Amino acid sequence: MLLKDHVALITGTATGIGEAIARLFAQNGARVFLLDRDGDGNRAVAESIRSEGGRSQAFAGDVRRAADIAPVVKAAVDQFGQIDILINNAGIFPRRRFLDVTEEEWDEMQDVNLKSMFHSIQLVLPHMIARRSGRIVNISSVTFHMGVAGLSHYVASKGGVIGLTRSLAREAGEHNVHVNCITPGAIKTESEARFVSEEQARDFMSRQCLQRRLGPLDVARVCLFLSSELSDGMTGQCLNVDAGWVMY
């Protein structure tokens, strides 16, 4: 029960990594507030968590809009007077060669993967500062350390996440707020299947030190570490969860 009675807001929770984080946090005693634009899927996850004895509430909303995030923050603060943990996980992953990317596609990528974190952190951080306590974990991607063709708009957004993490850690540290980042590698999720073929997935795994497919729980466990007292001496850090694909 590493997060007993902690209050956590997690984005992108209807499937994949976000769902795994929500479930693991609830199993470790957290009260979890879930936000995803897939309202039905998100409610199903919250109901499943509650059926297993966890404490969860689901909200439908688009992370690109601060007005959709604000009600979740308000609900958490009104009910419990605090938000201890913010997990910025929501993101999109469409592949497109750079010269084929439209301005609208570029803007959507930056808005979902990066600007959404601007919105959520601006809404949550004042509450953490007031209590002189908080953990923010941003989900980036190991592709930033590699450079990947066909993903320039995605890699640019995920690089921005790392930059935001590092600079914010400098500002928030004096208020005892920890800000860290995770860079997942090839994670087997529902969304990955839409963009990555089985052949590509096998190729990715062949480049890893650990010869197995990683799943959402692998990322969720590191997120739990960064959200608990186990990482009290860490901030501004970026942790690879990629089975040893990239080392830096």
C-alpha atoms as a PDB file:
ATOM      1  CA  MET A   1       0.000   0.000   0.000  1.00  0.00           C
ATOM      2  CA  LEU A   2       2.611   2.486  -1.103  1.00  0.00           C
ATOM      3  CA  LEU A   3      -0.036   5.106  -1.945  1.00  0.00           C
ATOM      4  CA  LYS A   4      -2.480   4.593   0.926  1.00  0.00           C
ATOM      5  CA  ASP A   5      -5.039   7.441   0.898  1.00  0.00           C
ATOM      6  CA  HIS A   6      -3.120   9.393  -1.745  1.00  0.00           C
ATOM      7  CA  VAL A   7      -5.198  11.151  -4.405  1.00  0.00           C
ATOM      8  CA  ALA A   8      -4.059  10.612  -7.992  1.00  0.00           C
ATOM      9  CA  LEU A   9      -5.258  12.171 -11.244  1.00  0.00           C
ATOM     10  CA  ILE A  10      -4.338  10.085 -14.290  1.00  0.00           C
ATOM     11  CA  THR A  11      -5.005  10.915 -17.942  1.00  0.00           C
ATOM     12  CA  GLY A  12      -5.530   8.510 -20.829  1.00  0.00           C
ATOM     13  CA  THR A  13      -6.928   5.742 -18.645  1.00  0.00           C
ATOM     14  CA  ALA A  14      -9.481   3.917 -20.822  1.00  0.00           C
ATOM     15  CA  THR A  15      -6.875   1.450 -22.144  1.00  0.00           C
ATOM     16  CA  GLY A  16      -3.203   0.559 -22.188  1.00  0.00           C
ATOM     17  CA  ILE A  17      -0.602   2.159 -19.961  1.00  0.00           C
ATOM     18  CA  GLY A  18      -3.021   4.595 -18.323  1.00  0.00           C
ATOM     19  CA  GLU A  19      -5.415   1.811 -17.366  1.00  0.00           C
ATOM     20  CA  ALA A  20      -2.561  -0.234 -15.897  1.00  0.00           C
ATOM     21  CA  ILE A  21      -1.379   2.753 -13.854  1.00  0.00           C
ATOM     22  CA  ALA A  22      -4.875   3.380 -12.519  1.00  0.00           C
ATOM     23  CA  ARG A  23      -5.350  -0.246 -11.504  1.00  0.00           C
ATOM     24  CA  LEU A  24      -1.934  -0.546  -9.835  1.00  0.00           C
ATOM     25  CA  PHE A  25      -2.353   2.728  -7.961  1.00  0.00           C
ATOM     26  CA  ALA A  26      -5.777   1.676  -6.684  1.00  0.00           C
ATOM     27  CA  GLN A  27      -4.332  -1.661  -5.566  1.00  0.00           C
ATOM     28  CA  ASN A  28      -1.754   0.317  -3.609  1.00  0.00           C
ATOM     29  CA  GLY A  29      -4.367   2.358  -1.752  1.00  0.00           C
ATOM     30  CA  ALA A  30      -4.747   5.466  -3.912  1.00  0.00           C
ATOM     31  CA  ARG A  31      -7.995   7.199  -4.700  1.00  0.00           C
ATOM     32  CA  VAL A  32      -7.773   7.462  -8.473  1.00  0.00           C
ATOM     33  CA  PHE A  33      -9.472  10.020 -10.707  1.00  0.00           C
ATOM     34  CA  LEU A  34      -9.498   8.900 -14.328  1.00  0.00           C
ATOM     35  CA  LEU A  35      -9.742  11.162 -17.383  1.00  0.00           C
ATOM     36  CA  ASP A  36     -10.130   9.973 -20.963  1.00  0.00           C
ATOM     37  CA  ARG A  37     -12.056  11.137 -24.014  1.00  0.00           C
ATOM     38  CA  ASP A  38     -13.475   7.608 -24.317  1.00  0.00           C
ATOM     39  CA  GLY A  39     -16.138   8.070 -21.688  1.00  0.00           C
ATOM     40  CA  ASP A  40     -17.636   4.594 -21.911  1.00  0.00           C
ATOM     41  CA  GLY A  41     -14.294   2.826 -21.793  1.00  0.00           C
ATOM     42  CA  ASN A  42     -13.113   5.022 -18.945  1.00  0.00           C
ATOM     43  CA  ARG A  43     -16.228   4.341 -16.883  1.00  0.00           C
ATOM     44  CA  ALA A  44     -15.789   0.614 -17.459  1.00  0.00           C
ATOM     45  CA  VAL A  45     -12.246   0.786 -16.072  1.00  0.00           C
ATOM     46  CA  ALA A  46     -13.403   2.739 -13.015  1.00  0.00           C
ATOM     47  CA  GLU A  47     -16.235   0.306 -12.368  1.00  0.00           C
ATOM     48  CA  SER A  48     -13.853  -2.633 -12.666  1.00  0.00           C
ATOM     49  CA  ILE A  49     -11.468  -1.033 -10.162  1.00  0.00           C
ATOM     50  CA  ARG A  50     -14.312  -0.476  -7.705  1.00  0.00           C
ATOM     51  CA  SER A  51     -15.510  -4.072  -8.136  1.00  0.00           C
ATOM     52  CA  GLU A  52     -12.060  -5.182  -6.958  1.00  0.00           C
ATOM     53  CA  GLY A  53     -12.230  -2.981  -3.870  1.00  0.00           C
ATOM     54  CA  GLY A  54     -10.430   0.056  -5.234  1.00  0.00           C
ATOM     55  CA  ARG A  55     -11.556   3.679  -5.106  1.00  0.00           C
ATOM     56  CA  SER A  56     -11.980   5.302  -8.501  1.00  0.00           C
ATOM     57  CA  GLN A  57     -13.991   7.925 -10.358  1.00  0.00           C
ATOM     58  CA  ALA A  58     -14.158   8.367 -14.122  1.00  0.00           C
ATOM     59  CA  PHE A  59     -14.490  11.570 -16.126  1.00  0.00           C
ATOM     60  CA  ALA A  60     -14.884  12.026 -19.865  1.00  0.00           C
ATOM     61  CA  GLY A  61     -12.937  14.857 -21.438  1.00  0.00           C
ATOM     62  CA  ASP A  62     -10.396  16.004 -23.997  1.00  0.00           C
ATOM     63  CA  VAL A  63      -6.984  16.764 -22.489  1.00  0.00           C
ATOM     64  CA  ARG A  64      -6.437  19.413 -25.151  1.00  0.00           C
ATOM     65  CA  ARG A  65      -8.931  21.606 -23.300  1.00  0.00           C
ATOM     66  CA  ALA A  66      -8.246  22.969 -19.837  1.00  0.00           C
ATOM     67  CA  ALA A  67     -12.007  23.255 -19.343  1.00  0.00           C
ATOM     68  CA  ASP A  68     -12.273  19.456 -19.577  1.00  0.00           C
ATOM     69  CA  ILE A  69      -9.514  18.858 -17.020  1.00  0.00           C
ATOM     70  CA  ALA A  70     -10.671  21.456 -14.492  1.00  0.00           C
ATOM     71  CA  PRO A  71     -13.763  19.499 -13.292  1.00  0.00           C
ATOM     72  CA  VAL A  72     -11.591  16.499 -12.411  1.00  0.00           C
ATOM     73  CA  VAL A  73      -9.213  18.672 -10.388  1.00  0.00           C
ATOM     74  CA  LYS A  74     -12.143  20.376  -8.660  1.00  0.00           C
ATOM     75  CA  ALA A  75     -13.786  17.061  -7.796  1.00  0.00           C
ATOM     76  CA  ALA A  76     -10.615  15.696  -6.248  1.00  0.00           C
ATOM     77  CA  VAL A  77      -9.924  18.839  -4.217  1.00  0.00           C
ATOM     78  CA  ASP A  78     -13.555  19.255  -3.134  1.00  0.00           C
ATOM     79  CA  GLN A  79     -13.782  15.659  -1.946  1.00  0.00           C
ATOM     80  CA  PHE A  80     -10.366  15.149  -0.399  1.00  0.00           C
ATOM     81  CA  GLY A  81      -8.731  18.569  -0.162  1.00  0.00           C
ATOM     82  CA  GLN A  82      -5.655  17.478  -2.071  1.00  0.00           C
ATOM     83  CA  ILE A  83      -4.090  16.024  -5.191  1.00  0.00           C
ATOM     84  CA  ASP A  84      -0.928  14.148  -4.349  1.00  0.00           C
ATOM     85  CA  ILE A  85      -0.083  12.699  -7.763  1.00  0.00           C
ATOM     86  CA  LEU A  86      -0.557  13.783 -11.367  1.00  0.00           C
ATOM     87  CA  ILE A  87       0.195  11.289 -14.127  1.00  0.00           C
ATOM     88  CA  ASN A  88       0.261  12.855 -17.595  1.00  0.00           C
ATOM     89  CA  ASN A  89      -0.163   9.796 -19.783  1.00  0.00           C
ATOM     90  CA  ALA A  90      -2.636  10.695 -22.540  1.00  0.00           C
ATOM     91  CA  GLY A  91      -1.098  10.695 -26.002  1.00  0.00           C
ATOM     92  CA  ILE A  92      -1.468   9.775 -29.665  1.00  0.00           C
ATOM     93  CA  PHE A  93       0.934   7.931 -31.965  1.00  0.00           C
ATOM     94  CA  PRO A  94       0.086   8.262 -35.681  1.00  0.00           C
ATOM     95  CA  ARG A  95       2.918   7.527 -38.102  1.00  0.00           C
ATOM     96  CA  ARG A  96       3.515   9.932 -40.989  1.00  0.00           C
ATOM     97  CA  ARG A  97       6.501  10.914 -43.084  1.00  0.00           C
ATOM     98  CA  PHE A  98       7.516  14.484 -42.318  1.00  0.00           C
ATOM     99  CA  LEU A  99       6.675  15.943 -45.741  1.00  0.00           C
ATOM    100  CA  ASP A 100       3.220  14.380 -45.539  1.00  0.00           C
ATOM    101  CA  VAL A 101       2.374  15.885 -42.145  1.00  0.00           C
ATOM    102  CA  THR A 102      -0.195  18.647 -42.408  1.00  0.00           C
ATOM    103  CA  GLU A 103      -0.186  21.678 -40.144  1.00  0.00           C
ATOM    104  CA  GLU A 104      -3.388  20.395 -38.549  1.00  0.00           C
ATOM    105  CA  GLU A 105      -1.782  17.019 -37.800  1.00  0.00           C
ATOM    106  CA  TRP A 106       1.291  18.730 -36.361  1.00  0.00           C
ATOM    107  CA  ASP A 107      -0.828  20.929 -34.119  1.00  0.00           C
ATOM    108  CA  GLU A 108      -2.974  18.018 -32.948  1.00  0.00           C
ATOM    109  CA  MET A 109       0.122  16.040 -31.975  1.00  0.00           C
ATOM    110  CA  GLN A 110       1.578  18.894 -29.962  1.00  0.00           C
ATOM    111  CA  ASP A 111      -1.772  19.696 -28.361  1.00  0.00           C
ATOM    112  CA  VAL A 112      -2.517  16.135 -27.232  1.00  0.00           C
ATOM    113  CA  ASN A 113       0.997  15.029 -26.270  1.00  0.00           C
ATOM    114  CA  LEU A 114       2.469  18.233 -24.861  1.00  0.00           C
ATOM    115  CA  LYS A 115       0.064  21.136 -24.452  1.00  0.00           C
ATOM    116  CA  SER A 116      -2.282  18.886 -22.471  1.00  0.00           C
ATOM    117  CA  MET A 117       0.441  18.656 -19.813  1.00  0.00           C
ATOM    118  CA  PHE A 118       0.672  22.438 -19.697  1.00  0.00           C
ATOM    119  CA  HIS A 119      -3.044  22.536 -18.918  1.00  0.00           C
ATOM    120  CA  SER A 120      -3.094  19.777 -16.313  1.00  0.00           C
ATOM    121  CA  ILE A 121       0.028  20.932 -14.477  1.00  0.00           C
ATOM    122  CA  GLN A 122      -1.144  24.532 -14.317  1.00  0.00           C
ATOM    123  CA  LEU A 123      -4.386  23.330 -12.754  1.00  0.00           C
ATOM    124  CA  VAL A 124      -2.844  20.871 -10.286  1.00  0.00           C
ATOM    125  CA  LEU A 125       0.490  22.424  -9.290  1.00  0.00           C
ATOM    126  CA  PRO A 126      -0.954  25.276  -7.170  1.00  0.00           C
ATOM    127  CA  HIS A 127      -2.612  22.708  -4.910  1.00  0.00           C
ATOM    128  CA  MET A 128       0.652  20.808  -4.532  1.00  0.00           C
ATOM    129  CA  ILE A 129       2.574  23.992  -3.794  1.00  0.00           C
ATOM    130  CA  ALA A 130       0.039  24.988  -1.147  1.00  0.00           C
ATOM    131  CA  ARG A 131       0.589  21.661   0.630  1.00  0.00           C
ATOM    132  CA  ARG A 132       4.344  21.547  -0.103  1.00  0.00           C
ATOM    133  CA  SER A 133       3.952  18.043  -1.420  1.00  0.00           C
ATOM    134  CA  GLY A 134       3.340  16.419  -4.775  1.00  0.00           C
ATOM    135  CA  ARG A 135       4.475  14.055  -7.495  1.00  0.00           C
ATOM    136  CA  ILE A 136       4.152  14.701 -11.209  1.00  0.00           C
ATOM    137  CA  VAL A 137       5.075  11.965 -13.685  1.00  0.00           C
ATOM    138  CA  ASN A 138       5.051  12.714 -17.402  1.00  0.00           C
ATOM    139  CA  ILE A 139       5.031   9.934 -19.993  1.00  0.00           C
ATOM    140  CA  SER A 140       7.386  10.627 -22.901  1.00  0.00           C
ATOM    141  CA  SER A 141       8.945   8.054 -25.268  1.00  0.00           C
ATOM    142  CA  VAL A 142      12.276   6.355 -25.832  1.00  0.00           C
ATOM    143  CA  THR A 143      11.981   7.472 -29.471  1.00  0.00           C
ATOM    144  CA  PHE A 144      13.270  10.867 -28.343  1.00  0.00           C
ATOM    145  CA  HIS A 145      16.662   9.291 -27.596  1.00  0.00           C
ATOM    146  CA  MET A 146      16.697   7.457 -30.924  1.00  0.00           C
ATOM    147  CA  GLY A 147      15.189   9.629 -33.604  1.00  0.00           C
ATOM    148  CA  VAL A 148      12.699   7.604 -35.637  1.00  0.00           C
ATOM    149  CA  ALA A 149      11.718   8.135 -39.265  1.00  0.00           C
ATOM    150  CA  GLY A 150       8.036   8.673 -39.849  1.00  0.00           C
ATOM    151  CA  LEU A 151       7.524  10.027 -36.342  1.00  0.00           C
ATOM    152  CA  SER A 152       9.051  13.508 -36.450  1.00  0.00           C
ATOM    153  CA  HIS A 153       5.923  15.222 -35.114  1.00  0.00           C
ATOM    154  CA  TYR A 154       5.576  12.587 -32.376  1.00  0.00           C
ATOM    155  CA  VAL A 155       9.243  12.671 -31.359  1.00  0.00           C
ATOM    156  CA  ALA A 156       9.156  16.473 -31.279  1.00  0.00           C
ATOM    157  CA  SER A 157       6.218  16.397 -28.887  1.00  0.00           C
ATOM    158  CA  LYS A 158       7.839  13.774 -26.648  1.00  0.00           C
ATOM    159  CA  GLY A 159      11.096  15.715 -26.582  1.00  0.00           C
ATOM    160  CA  GLY A 160       9.095  18.673 -25.375  1.00  0.00           C
ATOM    161  CA  VAL A 161       7.765  16.534 -22.531  1.00  0.00           C
ATOM    162  CA  ILE A 162      11.312  15.818 -21.369  1.00  0.00           C
ATOM    163  CA  GLY A 163      12.238  19.499 -21.568  1.00  0.00           C
ATOM    164  CA  LEU A 164       9.132  20.455 -19.617  1.00  0.00           C
ATOM    165  CA  THR A 165       9.934  17.848 -16.967  1.00  0.00           C
ATOM    166  CA  ARG A 166      13.454  19.090 -16.414  1.00  0.00           C
ATOM    167  CA  SER A 167      12.622  22.789 -16.267  1.00  0.00           C
ATOM    168  CA  LEU A 168       9.567  22.278 -14.085  1.00  0.00           C
ATOM    169  CA  ALA A 169      11.603  20.186 -11.643  1.00  0.00           C
ATOM    170  CA  ARG A 170      13.859  23.226 -11.157  1.00  0.00           C
ATOM    171  CA  GLU A 171      10.896  25.460 -10.364  1.00  0.00           C
ATOM    172  CA  ALA A 172       8.872  23.039  -8.278  1.00  0.00           C
ATOM    173  CA  GLY A 173      11.694  21.622  -6.176  1.00  0.00           C
ATOM    174  CA  GLU A 174      11.672  24.487  -3.704  1.00  0.00           C
ATOM    175  CA  HIS A 175       8.045  23.566  -2.945  1.00  0.00           C
ATOM    176  CA  ASN A 176       8.899  19.888  -2.370  1.00  0.00           C
ATOM    177  CA  VAL A 177       7.146  18.838  -5.588  1.00  0.00           C
ATOM    178  CA  HIS A 178       8.868  16.044  -7.514  1.00  0.00           C
ATOM    179  CA  VAL A 179       8.676  16.060 -11.323  1.00  0.00           C
ATOM    180  CA  ASN A 180       9.943  13.054 -13.265  1.00  0.00           C
ATOM    181  CA  CYS A 181       9.474  11.394 -16.617  1.00  0.00           C
ATOM    182  CA  ILE A 182       9.228   7.885 -18.069  1.00  0.00           C
ATOM    183  CA  THR A 183      10.295   7.007 -21.601  1.00  0.00           C
ATOM    184  CA  PRO A 184       8.616   3.718 -22.572  1.00  0.00           C
ATOM    185  CA  GLY A 185       9.937   1.598 -25.399  1.00  0.00           C
ATOM    186  CA  ALA A 186       7.821  -0.800 -27.446  1.00  0.00           C
ATOM    187  CA  ILE A 187       4.848  -1.559 -25.202  1.00  0.00           C
ATOM    188  CA  LYS A 188       2.220  -4.051 -26.300  1.00  0.00           C
ATOM    189  CA  THR A 189      -1.058  -2.138 -26.084  1.00  0.00           C
ATOM    190  CA  GLU A 190      -4.306  -1.869 -27.997  1.00  0.00           C
ATOM    191  CA  SER A 191      -3.200   1.384 -29.615  1.00  0.00           C
ATOM    192  CA  GLU A 192       0.215   0.026 -30.641  1.00  0.00           C
ATOM    193  CA  ALA A 193      -1.497  -2.631 -32.736  1.00  0.00           C
ATOM    194  CA  ARG A 194      -2.975   0.093 -34.957  1.00  0.00           C
ATOM    195  CA  PHE A 195       0.438   1.457 -35.940  1.00  0.00           C
ATOM    196  CA  VAL A 196       2.949  -1.372 -35.485  1.00  0.00           C
ATOM    197  CA  SER A 197       2.911  -4.672 -37.387  1.00  0.00           C
ATOM    198  CA  GLU A 198       3.830  -7.991 -35.782  1.00  0.00           C
ATOM    199  CA  GLU A 199       6.992  -8.024 -37.903  1.00  0.00           C
ATOM    200  CA  GLN A 200       7.978  -4.574 -36.628  1.00  0.00           C
ATOM    201  CA  ALA A 201       7.251  -5.625 -33.039  1.00  0.00           C
ATOM    202  CA  ARG A 202       9.541  -8.652 -33.422  1.00  0.00           C
ATOM    203  CA  ASP A 203      12.248  -6.392 -34.847  1.00  0.00           C
ATOM    204  CA  PHE A 204      11.931  -4.022 -31.886  1.00  0.00           C
ATOM    205  CA  MET A 205      12.245  -6.917 -29.434  1.00  0.00           C
ATOM    206  CA  SER A 206      15.345  -8.231 -31.196  1.00  0.00           C
ATOM    207  CA  ARG A 207      17.085  -4.931 -30.356  1.00  0.00           C
ATOM    208  CA  GLN A 208      16.265  -5.192 -26.636  1.00  0.00           C
ATOM    209  CA  CYS A 209      18.555  -6.725 -23.993  1.00  0.00           C
ATOM    210  CA  LEU A 210      15.565  -8.471 -22.409  1.00  0.00           C
ATOM    211  CA  GLN A 211      13.978 -10.702 -25.016  1.00  0.00           C
ATOM    212  CA  ARG A 212      10.317 -10.330 -24.145  1.00  0.00           C
ATOM    213  CA  ARG A 213       7.484  -8.019 -25.070  1.00  0.00           C
ATOM    214  CA  LEU A 214       6.883  -5.334 -22.490  1.00  0.00           C
ATOM    215  CA  GLY A 215       3.345  -4.617 -21.330  1.00  0.00           C
ATOM    216  CA  PRO A 216       1.577  -1.685 -19.671  1.00  0.00           C
ATOM    217  CA  LEU A 217       2.246  -3.070 -16.194  1.00  0.00           C
ATOM    218  CA  ASP A 218       5.988  -2.701 -16.764  1.00  0.00           C
ATOM    219  CA  VAL A 219       5.508   1.039 -17.146  1.00  0.00           C
ATOM    220  CA  ALA A 220       2.927   1.257 -14.350  1.00  0.00           C
ATOM    221  CA  ARG A 221       5.349  -0.240 -11.828  1.00  0.00           C
ATOM    222  CA  VAL A 222       7.986   2.404 -12.561  1.00  0.00           C
ATOM    223  CA  CYS A 223       5.272   5.037 -12.343  1.00  0.00           C
ATOM    224  CA  LEU A 224       4.357   3.687  -8.900  1.00  0.00           C
ATOM    225  CA  PHE A 225       8.005   3.978  -7.855  1.00  0.00           C
ATOM    226  CA  LEU A 226       8.180   7.612  -8.995  1.00  0.00           C
ATOM    227  CA  SER A 227       4.880   8.401  -7.265  1.00  0.00           C
ATOM    228  CA  SER A 228       5.853   6.950  -3.884  1.00  0.00           C
ATOM    229  CA  GLU A 229       8.347   7.637  -1.112  1.00  0.00           C
ATOM    230  CA  LEU A 230      10.676   5.088  -2.723  1.00  0.00           C
ATOM    231  CA  SER A 231      11.872   7.856  -5.073  1.00  0.00           C
ATOM    232  CA  ASP A 232      12.120  10.639  -2.473  1.00  0.00           C
ATOM    233  CA  GLY A 233      15.610  11.597  -3.629  1.00  0.00           C
ATOM    234  CA  MET A 234      14.734  11.950  -7.307  1.00  0.00           C
ATOM    235  CA  THR A 235      13.407  14.791  -9.438  1.00  0.00           C
ATOM    236  CA  GLY A 236      14.020  16.009 -12.978  1.00  0.00           C
ATOM    237  CA  GLN A 237      14.888  12.483 -14.074  1.00  0.00           C
ATOM    238  CA  CYS A 238      13.913  10.478 -17.142  1.00  0.00           C
ATOM    239  CA  LEU A 239      13.711   6.690 -16.760  1.00  0.00           C
ATOM    240  CA  ASN A 240      13.729   4.307 -19.726  1.00  0.00           C
ATOM    241  CA  VAL A 241      11.319   1.368 -19.555  1.00  0.00           C
ATOM    242  CA  ASP A 242      12.408  -0.304 -22.772  1.00  0.00           C
ATOM    243  CA  ALA A 243      13.970  -3.686 -21.828  1.00  0.00           C
ATOM    244  CA  GLY A 244      17.420  -2.278 -22.524  1.00  0.00           C
ATOM    245  CA  TRP A 245      16.785  -1.064 -26.044  1.00  0.00           C
ATOM    246  CA  VAL A 246      18.427   2.334 -25.582  1.00  0.00           C
ATOM    247  CA  MET A 247      21.117   3.278 -23.065  1.00  0.00           C
ATOM    248  CA  TYR A 248      22.276   6.801 -22.331  1.00  0.00           C
END
